[in-house]
Amino acid sequence: MTFLSRGTIEQWVEEFRSSRRLSATTVFVMRQDGAAGANTGLVGVQLTHPSVTLYMEPESPSSETWLVTFEPREMVAVLDAASVARLSAELATTSEL
């Protein structure tokens, strides 16, 4: 994999969003200034069960491995079985992305 510009990532996310019929607020591109002022981006995902934001980025500019970072939560999340199933579905979609 080569370096992906923010424009390339935005196009890629839009194609995924369109093919999966996701809402515009579920998956988004966050601005990130790369090395030497490169125009890069992070892929952000807003989970709803529980509400948490995560972001994805390549491990390195030449890596095919993407890393997922979960932003910290202020409160502990306690979920029933149905909510765990919804979280599982959201994470499965995120992994497909």
PDB file of N, CA and C in Angstrom:
ATOM      1  N   MET A   1       0.851  -1.175   0.000  1.00  0.00           N
ATOM      2  CA  MET A   1       0.000   0.000   0.000  1.00  0.00           C
ATOM      3  C   MET A   1       0.893   1.233   0.000  1.00  0.00           C
ATOM      4  N   THR A   2       0.534   2.208  -0.775  1.00  0.00           N
ATOM      5  CA  THR A   2       1.273   3.456  -0.789  1.00  0.00           C
ATOM      6  C   THR A   2       0.528   4.492   0.042  1.00  0.00           C
ATOM      7  N   PHE A   3       1.154   5.631   0.231  1.00  0.00           N
ATOM      8  CA  PHE A   3       0.570   6.729   0.986  1.00  0.00           C
ATOM      9  C   PHE A   3      -0.796   7.093   0.418  1.00  0.00           C
ATOM     10  N   LEU A   4      -1.771   7.291   1.281  1.00  0.00           N
ATOM     11  CA  LEU A   4      -3.113   7.688   0.856  1.00  0.00           C
ATOM     12  C   LEU A   4      -3.368   9.140   1.250  1.00  0.00           C
ATOM     13  N   SER A   5      -3.690   9.966   0.278  1.00  0.00           N
ATOM     14  CA  SER A   5      -4.006  11.356   0.570  1.00  0.00           C
ATOM     15  C   SER A   5      -5.387  11.446   1.205  1.00  0.00           C
ATOM     16  N   ARG A   6      -5.673  12.581   1.803  1.00  0.00           N
ATOM     17  CA  ARG A   6      -6.986  12.784   2.412  1.00  0.00           C
ATOM     18  C   ARG A   6      -8.088  12.654   1.360  1.00  0.00           C
ATOM     19  N   GLY A   7      -7.852  13.194   0.170  1.00  0.00           N
ATOM     20  CA  GLY A   7      -8.844  13.086  -0.903  1.00  0.00           C
ATOM     21  C   GLY A   7      -9.129  11.644  -1.285  1.00  0.00           C
ATOM     22  N   THR A   8      -8.082  10.831  -1.351  1.00  0.00           N
ATOM     23  CA  THR A   8      -8.252   9.411  -1.672  1.00  0.00           C
ATOM     24  C   THR A   8      -9.050   8.711  -0.577  1.00  0.00           C
ATOM     25  N   ILE A   9      -8.721   9.009   0.682  1.00  0.00           N
ATOM     26  CA  ILE A   9      -9.432   8.396   1.803  1.00  0.00           C
ATOM     27  C   ILE A   9     -10.897   8.833   1.803  1.00  0.00           C
ATOM     28  N   GLU A  10     -11.170  10.121   1.538  1.00  0.00           N
ATOM     29  CA  GLU A  10     -12.556  10.603   1.489  1.00  0.00           C
ATOM     30  C   GLU A  10     -13.347   9.886   0.402  1.00  0.00           C
ATOM     31  N   GLN A  11     -12.735   9.684  -0.759  1.00  0.00           N
ATOM     32  CA  GLN A  11     -13.409   8.985  -1.854  1.00  0.00           C
ATOM     33  C   GLN A  11     -13.682   7.532  -1.459  1.00  0.00           C
ATOM     34  N   TRP A  12     -12.698   6.892  -0.857  1.00  0.00           N
ATOM     35  CA  TRP A  12     -12.818   5.505  -0.427  1.00  0.00           C
ATOM     36  C   TRP A  12     -13.936   5.353   0.610  1.00  0.00           C
ATOM     37  N   VAL A  13     -13.996   6.267   1.588  1.00  0.00           N
ATOM     38  CA  VAL A  13     -15.037   6.223   2.616  1.00  0.00           C
ATOM     39  C   VAL A  13     -16.414   6.466   1.993  1.00  0.00           C
ATOM     40  N   GLU A  14     -16.504   7.399   1.067  1.00  0.00           N
ATOM     41  CA  GLU A  14     -17.791   7.689   0.424  1.00  0.00           C
ATOM     42  C   GLU A  14     -18.280   6.479  -0.371  1.00  0.00           C
ATOM     43  N   GLU A  15     -17.383   5.797  -1.074  1.00  0.00           N
ATOM     44  CA  GLU A  15     -17.772   4.596  -1.813  1.00  0.00           C
ATOM     45  C   GLU A  15     -18.265   3.513  -0.848  1.00  0.00           C
ATOM     46  N   PHE A  16     -17.585   3.348   0.273  1.00  0.00           N
ATOM     47  CA  PHE A  16     -18.004   2.357   1.266  1.00  0.00           C
ATOM     48  C   PHE A  16     -19.345   2.749   1.855  1.00  0.00           C
ATOM     49  N   ARG A  17     -19.488   4.023   2.215  1.00  0.00           N
ATOM     50  CA  ARG A  17     -20.745   4.503   2.807  1.00  0.00           C
ATOM     51  C   ARG A  17     -21.905   4.282   1.838  1.00  0.00           C
ATOM     52  N   SER A  18     -21.701   4.564   0.566  1.00  0.00           N
ATOM     53  CA  SER A  18     -22.761   4.395  -0.433  1.00  0.00           C
ATOM     54  C   SER A  18     -23.127   2.930  -0.623  1.00  0.00           C
ATOM     55  N   SER A  19     -22.134   2.070  -0.634  1.00  0.00           N
ATOM     56  CA  SER A  19     -22.401   0.652  -0.858  1.00  0.00           C
ATOM     57  C   SER A  19     -23.056  -0.007   0.347  1.00  0.00           C
ATOM     58  N   ARG A  20     -22.849   0.546   1.527  1.00  0.00           N
ATOM     59  CA  ARG A  20     -23.389  -0.039   2.750  1.00  0.00           C
ATOM     60  C   ARG A  20     -24.608   0.717   3.259  1.00  0.00           C
ATOM     61  N   ARG A  21     -24.986   1.797   2.590  1.00  0.00           N
ATOM     62  CA  ARG A  21     -26.121   2.620   2.996  1.00  0.00           C
ATOM     63  C   ARG A  21     -25.980   3.099   4.449  1.00  0.00           C
ATOM     64  N   LEU A  22     -24.798   3.587   4.761  1.00  0.00           N
ATOM     65  CA  LEU A  22     -24.539   4.119   6.098  1.00  0.00           C
ATOM     66  C   LEU A  22     -24.866   5.597   6.143  1.00  0.00           C
ATOM     67  N   SER A  23     -25.191   6.106   7.309  1.00  0.00           N
ATOM     68  CA  SER A  23     -25.457   7.537   7.449  1.00  0.00           C
ATOM     69  C   SER A  23     -24.143   8.314   7.347  1.00  0.00           C
ATOM     70  N   ALA A  24     -24.243   9.563   6.979  1.00  0.00           N
ATOM     71  CA  ALA A  24     -23.057  10.396   6.801  1.00  0.00           C
ATOM     72  C   ALA A  24     -22.303  10.608   8.104  1.00  0.00           C
ATOM     73  N   THR A  25     -22.983  10.469   9.239  1.00  0.00           N
ATOM     74  CA  THR A  25     -22.318  10.716  10.518  1.00  0.00           C
ATOM     75  C   THR A  25     -21.682   9.453  11.104  1.00  0.00           C
ATOM     76  N   THR A  26     -21.947   8.301  10.537  1.00  0.00           N
ATOM     77  CA  THR A  26     -21.404   7.059  11.073  1.00  0.00           C
ATOM     78  C   THR A  26     -19.919   6.913  10.757  1.00  0.00           C
ATOM     79  N   VAL A  27     -19.535   7.144   9.523  1.00  0.00           N
ATOM     80  CA  VAL A  27     -18.153   7.029   9.074  1.00  0.00           C
ATOM     81  C   VAL A  27     -17.753   8.376   8.483  1.00  0.00           C
ATOM     82  N   PHE A  28     -16.609   8.884   8.878  1.00  0.00           N
ATOM     83  CA  PHE A  28     -16.177  10.202   8.413  1.00  0.00           C
ATOM     84  C   PHE A  28     -14.661  10.265   8.363  1.00  0.00           C
ATOM     85  N   VAL A  29     -14.143  11.276   7.676  1.00  0.00           N
ATOM     86  CA  VAL A  29     -12.698  11.478   7.583  1.00  0.00           C
ATOM     87  C   VAL A  29     -12.328  12.668   8.446  1.00  0.00           C
ATOM     88  N   MET A  30     -11.344  12.450   9.310  1.00  0.00           N
ATOM     89  CA  MET A  30     -10.861  13.497  10.207  1.00  0.00           C
ATOM     90  C   MET A  30      -9.544  14.036   9.652  1.00  0.00           C
ATOM     91  N   ARG A  31      -9.346  15.320   9.767  1.00  0.00           N
ATOM     92  CA  ARG A  31      -8.119  15.952   9.277  1.00  0.00           C
ATOM     93  C   ARG A  31      -6.936  15.509  10.127  1.00  0.00           C
ATOM     94  N   GLN A  32      -5.817  15.222   9.447  1.00  0.00           N
ATOM     95  CA  GLN A  32      -4.578  14.882  10.128  1.00  0.00           C
ATOM     96  C   GLN A  32      -3.433  15.441   9.297  1.00  0.00           C
ATOM     97  N   ASP A  33      -2.564  16.199   9.930  1.00  0.00           N
ATOM     98  CA  ASP A  33      -1.392  16.716   9.234  1.00  0.00           C
ATOM     99  C   ASP A  33      -0.290  15.679   9.294  1.00  0.00           C
ATOM    100  N   GLY A  34       0.120  15.211   8.132  1.00  0.00           N
ATOM    101  CA  GLY A  34       1.151  14.185   8.061  1.00  0.00           C
ATOM    102  C   GLY A  34       2.540  14.780   8.060  1.00  0.00           C
ATOM    103  N   ALA A  35       3.516  13.931   7.899  1.00  0.00           N
ATOM    104  CA  ALA A  35       4.916  14.350   7.862  1.00  0.00           C
ATOM    105  C   ALA A  35       5.138  15.323   6.711  1.00  0.00           C
ATOM    106  N   ALA A  36       5.935  16.324   6.957  1.00  0.00           N
ATOM    107  CA  ALA A  36       6.286  17.332   5.953  1.00  0.00           C
ATOM    108  C   ALA A  36       5.047  18.001   5.367  1.00  0.00           C
ATOM    109  N   GLY A  37       4.001  18.171   6.179  1.00  0.00           N
ATOM    110  CA  GLY A  37       2.806  18.875   5.745  1.00  0.00           C
ATOM    111  C   GLY A  37       1.923  18.094   4.802  1.00  0.00           C
ATOM    112  N   ALA A  38       2.076  16.769   4.765  1.00  0.00           N
ATOM    113  CA  ALA A  38       1.262  15.946   3.867  1.00  0.00           C
ATOM    114  C   ALA A  38      -0.214  16.086   4.211  1.00  0.00           C
ATOM    115  N   ASN A  39      -1.043  16.085   3.189  1.00  0.00           N
ATOM    116  CA  ASN A  39      -2.488  16.220   3.339  1.00  0.00           C
ATOM    117  C   ASN A  39      -3.083  14.832   3.566  1.00  0.00           C
ATOM    118  N   THR A  40      -3.178  14.414   4.818  1.00  0.00           N
ATOM    119  CA  THR A  40      -3.639  13.068   5.134  1.00  0.00           C
ATOM    120  C   THR A  40      -4.949  13.119   5.902  1.00  0.00           C
ATOM    121  N   GLY A  41      -5.475  11.975   6.232  1.00  0.00           N
ATOM    122  CA  GLY A  41      -6.707  11.913   7.002  1.00  0.00           C
ATOM    123  C   GLY A  41      -6.788  10.634   7.809  1.00  0.00           C
ATOM    124  N   LEU A  42      -7.600  10.684   8.835  1.00  0.00           N
ATOM    125  CA  LEU A  42      -7.930   9.510   9.633  1.00  0.00           C
ATOM    126  C   LEU A  42      -9.361   9.133   9.314  1.00  0.00           C
ATOM    127  N   VAL A  43      -9.665   7.852   9.334  1.00  0.00           N
ATOM    128  CA  VAL A  43     -11.043   7.410   9.157  1.00  0.00           C
ATOM    129  C   VAL A  43     -11.646   7.303  10.547  1.00  0.00           C
ATOM    130  N   GLY A  44     -12.722   8.050  10.791  1.00  0.00           N
ATOM    131  CA  GLY A  44     -13.400   8.022  12.073  1.00  0.00           C
ATOM    132  C   GLY A  44     -14.714   7.273  11.970  1.00  0.00           C
ATOM    133  N   VAL A  45     -15.088   6.617  13.056  1.00  0.00           N
ATOM    134  CA  VAL A  45     -16.359   5.900  13.130  1.00  0.00           C
ATOM    135  C   VAL A  45     -17.008   6.233  14.460  1.00  0.00           C
ATOM    136  N   GLN A  46     -18.275   6.607  14.416  1.00  0.00           N
ATOM    137  CA  GLN A  46     -19.039   6.877  15.639  1.00  0.00           C
ATOM    138  C   GLN A  46     -19.910   5.666  15.917  1.00  0.00           C
ATOM    139  N   LEU A  47     -19.562   4.894  16.946  1.00  0.00           N
ATOM    140  CA  LEU A  47     -20.375   3.749  17.350  1.00  0.00           C
ATOM    141  C   LEU A  47     -21.543   4.254  18.187  1.00  0.00           C
ATOM    142  N   THR A  48     -22.648   3.540  18.164  1.00  0.00           N
ATOM    143  CA  THR A  48     -23.812   3.992  18.917  1.00  0.00           C
ATOM    144  C   THR A  48     -24.170   3.098  20.091  1.00  0.00           C
ATOM    145  N   HIS A  49     -23.626   1.896  20.144  1.00  0.00           N
ATOM    146  CA  HIS A  49     -23.995   0.934  21.204  1.00  0.00           C
ATOM    147  C   HIS A  49     -22.757   0.344  21.856  1.00  0.00           C
ATOM    148  N   PRO A  50     -22.056   0.965  22.742  1.00  0.00           N
ATOM    149  CA  PRO A  50     -22.302   2.256  23.362  1.00  0.00           C
ATOM    150  C   PRO A  50     -21.732   3.373  22.498  1.00  0.00           C
ATOM    151  N   SER A  51     -22.069   4.598  22.835  1.00  0.00           N
ATOM    152  CA  SER A  51     -21.584   5.743  22.080  1.00  0.00           C
ATOM    153  C   SER A  51     -20.088   5.927  22.341  1.00  0.00           C
ATOM    154  N   VAL A  52     -19.306   5.726  21.313  1.00  0.00           N
ATOM    155  CA  VAL A  52     -17.858   5.914  21.404  1.00  0.00           C
ATOM    156  C   VAL A  52     -17.340   6.181  19.994  1.00  0.00           C
ATOM    157  N   THR A  53     -16.299   6.977  19.912  1.00  0.00           N
ATOM    158  CA  THR A  53     -15.674   7.263  18.630  1.00  0.00           C
ATOM    159  C   THR A  53     -14.364   6.494  18.544  1.00  0.00           C
ATOM    160  N   LEU A  54     -14.107   5.932  17.377  1.00  0.00           N
ATOM    161  CA  LEU A  54     -12.820   5.299  17.146  1.00  0.00           C
ATOM    162  C   LEU A  54     -12.271   5.857  15.841  1.00  0.00           C
ATOM    163  N   TYR A  55     -10.972   5.713  15.665  1.00  0.00           N
ATOM    164  CA  TYR A  55     -10.393   6.130  14.394  1.00  0.00           C
ATOM    165  C   TYR A  55      -9.395   5.093  13.921  1.00  0.00           C
ATOM    166  N   MET A  56      -9.219   5.060  12.602  1.00  0.00           N
ATOM    167  CA  MET A  56      -8.348   4.093  11.955  1.00  0.00           C
ATOM    168  C   MET A  56      -7.319   4.821  11.117  1.00  0.00           C
ATOM    169  N   GLU A  57      -6.115   4.259  11.117  1.00  0.00           N
ATOM    170  CA  GLU A  57      -5.052   4.802  10.290  1.00  0.00           C
ATOM    171  C   GLU A  57      -4.058   3.687   9.964  1.00  0.00           C
ATOM    172  N   PRO A  58      -3.349   3.821   8.845  1.00  0.00           N
ATOM    173  CA  PRO A  58      -2.341   2.816   8.526  1.00  0.00           C
ATOM    174  C   PRO A  58      -1.256   2.807   9.602  1.00  0.00           C
ATOM    175  N   GLU A  59      -0.704   1.639   9.860  1.00  0.00           N
ATOM    176  CA  GLU A  59       0.366   1.497  10.841  1.00  0.00           C
ATOM    177  C   GLU A  59       1.560   2.364  10.470  1.00  0.00           C
ATOM    178  N   SER A  60       1.858   2.455   9.190  1.00  0.00           N
ATOM    179  CA  SER A  60       2.906   3.315   8.650  1.00  0.00           C
ATOM    180  C   SER A  60       2.503   3.638   7.213  1.00  0.00           C
ATOM    181  N   PRO A  61       3.142   4.632   6.586  1.00  0.00           N
ATOM    182  CA  PRO A  61       2.739   5.003   5.223  1.00  0.00           C
ATOM    183  C   PRO A  61       2.796   3.851   4.219  1.00  0.00           C
ATOM    184  N   SER A  62       3.643   2.870   4.429  1.00  0.00           N
ATOM    185  CA  SER A  62       3.768   1.777   3.462  1.00  0.00           C
ATOM    186  C   SER A  62       3.110   0.481   3.940  1.00  0.00           C
ATOM    187  N   SER A  63       2.465   0.510   5.094  1.00  0.00           N
ATOM    188  CA  SER A  63       1.895  -0.700   5.688  1.00  0.00           C
ATOM    189  C   SER A  63       0.502  -1.000   5.153  1.00  0.00           C
ATOM    190  N   GLU A  64       0.170  -2.290   5.055  1.00  0.00           N
ATOM    191  CA  GLU A  64      -1.181  -2.717   4.715  1.00  0.00           C
ATOM    192  C   GLU A  64      -1.998  -2.975   5.969  1.00  0.00           C
ATOM    193  N   THR A  65      -1.379  -2.840   7.135  1.00  0.00           N
ATOM    194  CA  THR A  65      -2.051  -3.043   8.410  1.00  0.00           C
ATOM    195  C   THR A  65      -2.614  -1.719   8.900  1.00  0.00           C
ATOM    196  N   TRP A  66      -3.910  -1.714   9.205  1.00  0.00           N
ATOM    197  CA  TRP A  66      -4.554  -0.535   9.760  1.00  0.00           C
ATOM    198  C   TRP A  66      -4.779  -0.762  11.250  1.00  0.00           C
ATOM    199  N   LEU A  67      -4.532   0.268  12.036  1.00  0.00           N
ATOM    200  CA  LEU A  67      -4.724   0.202  13.478  1.00  0.00           C
ATOM    201  C   LEU A  67      -5.981   0.969  13.860  1.00  0.00           C
ATOM    202  N   VAL A  68      -6.717   0.457  14.833  1.00  0.00           N
ATOM    203  CA  VAL A  68      -7.942   1.089  15.321  1.00  0.00           C
ATOM    204  C   VAL A  68      -7.699   1.569  16.741  1.00  0.00           C
ATOM    205  N   THR A  69      -7.984   2.842  16.986  1.00  0.00           N
ATOM    206  CA  THR A  69      -7.844   3.435  18.317  1.00  0.00           C
ATOM    207  C   THR A  69      -9.223   3.824  18.820  1.00  0.00           C
ATOM    208  N   PHE A  70      -9.581   3.340  20.003  1.00  0.00           N
ATOM    209  CA  PHE A  70     -10.841   3.710  20.634  1.00  0.00           C
ATOM    210  C   PHE A  70     -10.583   4.890  21.553  1.00  0.00           C
ATOM    211  N   GLU A  71     -11.340   5.986  21.371  1.00  0.00           N
ATOM    212  CA  GLU A  71     -11.188   7.134  22.255  1.00  0.00           C
ATOM    213  C   GLU A  71     -11.712   6.764  23.642  1.00  0.00           C
ATOM    214  N   PRO A  72     -11.114   7.331  24.679  1.00  0.00           N
ATOM    215  CA  PRO A  72     -11.553   6.987  26.037  1.00  0.00           C
ATOM    216  C   PRO A  72     -12.977   7.458  26.315  1.00  0.00           C
ATOM    217  N   ARG A  73     -13.630   6.750  27.221  1.00  0.00           N
ATOM    218  CA  ARG A  73     -14.981   7.094  27.657  1.00  0.00           C
ATOM    219  C   ARG A  73     -14.906   7.619  29.082  1.00  0.00           C
ATOM    220  N   GLU A  74     -15.798   8.530  29.425  1.00  0.00           N
ATOM    221  CA  GLU A  74     -15.851   9.061  30.786  1.00  0.00           C
ATOM    222  C   GLU A  74     -16.506   8.075  31.742  1.00  0.00           C
ATOM    223  N   MET A  75     -17.418   7.252  31.223  1.00  0.00           N
ATOM    224  CA  MET A  75     -18.167   6.336  32.079  1.00  0.00           C
ATOM    225  C   MET A  75     -18.013   4.903  31.588  1.00  0.00           C
ATOM    226  N   VAL A  76     -18.164   3.972  32.491  1.00  0.00           N
ATOM    227  CA  VAL A  76     -18.150   2.557  32.156  1.00  0.00           C
ATOM    228  C   VAL A  76     -19.392   2.243  31.336  1.00  0.00           C
ATOM    229  N   ALA A  77     -19.252   1.392  30.329  1.00  0.00           N
ATOM    230  CA  ALA A  77     -20.387   0.981  29.514  1.00  0.00           C
ATOM    231  C   ALA A  77     -20.897  -0.368  30.008  1.00  0.00           C
ATOM    232  N   VAL A  78     -22.159  -0.419  30.385  1.00  0.00           N
ATOM    233  CA  VAL A  78     -22.813  -1.662  30.789  1.00  0.00           C
ATOM    234  C   VAL A  78     -23.865  -1.960  29.735  1.00  0.00           C
ATOM    235  N   LEU A  79     -23.750  -3.149  29.096  1.00  0.00           N
ATOM    236  CA  LEU A  79     -24.616  -3.480  27.966  1.00  0.00           C
ATOM    237  C   LEU A  79     -25.383  -4.766  28.225  1.00  0.00           C
ATOM    238  N   ASP A  80     -26.617  -4.793  27.747  1.00  0.00           N
ATOM    239  CA  ASP A  80     -27.372  -6.048  27.779  1.00  0.00           C
ATOM    240  C   ASP A  80     -27.020  -6.838  26.510  1.00  0.00           C
ATOM    241  N   ALA A  81     -27.558  -8.038  26.400  1.00  0.00           N
ATOM    242  CA  ALA A  81     -27.212  -8.914  25.279  1.00  0.00           C
ATOM    243  C   ALA A  81     -27.539  -8.283  23.922  1.00  0.00           C
ATOM    244  N   ALA A  82     -28.670  -7.620  23.812  1.00  0.00           N
ATOM    245  CA  ALA A  82     -29.056  -6.992  22.543  1.00  0.00           C
ATOM    246  C   ALA A  82     -28.077  -5.878  22.162  1.00  0.00           C
ATOM    247  N   SER A  83     -27.642  -5.103  23.138  1.00  0.00           N
ATOM    248  CA  SER A  83     -26.682  -4.027  22.868  1.00  0.00           C
ATOM    249  C   SER A  83     -25.323  -4.584  22.473  1.00  0.00           C
ATOM    250  N   VAL A  84     -24.916  -5.688  23.077  1.00  0.00           N
ATOM    251  CA  VAL A  84     -23.648  -6.333  22.697  1.00  0.00           C
ATOM    252  C   VAL A  84     -23.746  -6.824  21.256  1.00  0.00           C
ATOM    253  N   ALA A  85     -24.887  -7.359  20.866  1.00  0.00           N
ATOM    254  CA  ALA A  85     -25.078  -7.818  19.487  1.00  0.00           C
ATOM    255  C   ALA A  85     -24.982  -6.640  18.513  1.00  0.00           C
ATOM    256  N   ARG A  86     -25.591  -5.490  18.872  1.00  0.00           N
ATOM    257  CA  ARG A  86     -25.500  -4.303  18.001  1.00  0.00           C
ATOM    258  C   ARG A  86     -24.059  -3.801  17.921  1.00  0.00           C
ATOM    259  N   LEU A  87     -23.347  -3.801  19.055  1.00  0.00           N
ATOM    260  CA  LEU A  87     -21.937  -3.393  19.061  1.00  0.00           C
ATOM    261  C   LEU A  87     -21.123  -4.330  18.171  1.00  0.00           C
ATOM    262  N   SER A  88     -21.380  -5.615  18.269  1.00  0.00           N
ATOM    263  CA  SER A  88     -20.684  -6.594  17.447  1.00  0.00           C
ATOM    264  C   SER A  88     -20.899  -6.306  15.957  1.00  0.00           C
ATOM    265  N   ALA A  89     -22.131  -5.974  15.583  1.00  0.00           N
ATOM    266  CA  ALA A  89     -22.445  -5.666  14.189  1.00  0.00           C
ATOM    267  C   ALA A  89     -21.709  -4.407  13.733  1.00  0.00           C
ATOM    268  N   GLU A  90     -21.674  -3.386  14.598  1.00  0.00           N
ATOM    269  CA  GLU A  90     -20.970  -2.146  14.249  1.00  0.00           C
ATOM    270  C   GLU A  90     -19.470  -2.391  14.091  1.00  0.00           C
ATOM    271  N   LEU A  91     -18.895  -3.208  14.961  1.00  0.00           N
ATOM    272  CA  LEU A  91     -17.468  -3.523  14.860  1.00  0.00           C
ATOM    273  C   LEU A  91     -17.182  -4.370  13.624  1.00  0.00           C
ATOM    274  N   ALA A  92     -18.097  -5.259  13.267  1.00  0.00           N
ATOM    275  CA  ALA A  92     -17.924  -6.046  12.048  1.00  0.00           C
ATOM    276  C   ALA A  92     -17.909  -5.135  10.817  1.00  0.00           C
ATOM    277  N   THR A  93     -18.811  -4.170  10.793  1.00  0.00           N
ATOM    278  CA  THR A  93     -18.837  -3.209   9.684  1.00  0.00           C
ATOM    279  C   THR A  93     -17.545  -2.405   9.654  1.00  0.00           C
ATOM    280  N   THR A  94     -17.080  -1.989  10.835  1.00  0.00           N
ATOM    281  CA  THR A  94     -15.824  -1.236  10.918  1.00  0.00           C
ATOM    282  C   THR A  94     -14.666  -2.054  10.383  1.00  0.00           C
ATOM    283  N   SER A  95     -14.624  -3.334  10.706  1.00  0.00           N
ATOM    284  CA  SER A  95     -13.528  -4.175  10.232  1.00  0.00           C
ATOM    285  C   SER A  95     -13.578  -4.365   8.718  1.00  0.00           C
ATOM    286  N   GLU A  96     -14.775  -4.352   8.128  1.00  0.00           N
ATOM    287  CA  GLU A  96     -14.911  -4.440   6.681  1.00  0.00           C
ATOM    288  C   GLU A  96     -14.372  -3.196   6.006  1.00  0.00           C
ATOM    289  N   LEU A  97     -14.558  -2.072   6.655  1.00  0.00           N
ATOM    290  CA  LEU A  97     -14.072  -0.804   6.124  1.00  0.00           C
ATOM    291  C   LEU A  97     -12.562  -0.836   6.021  1.00  0.00           C
TER     292      LEU A  97
END
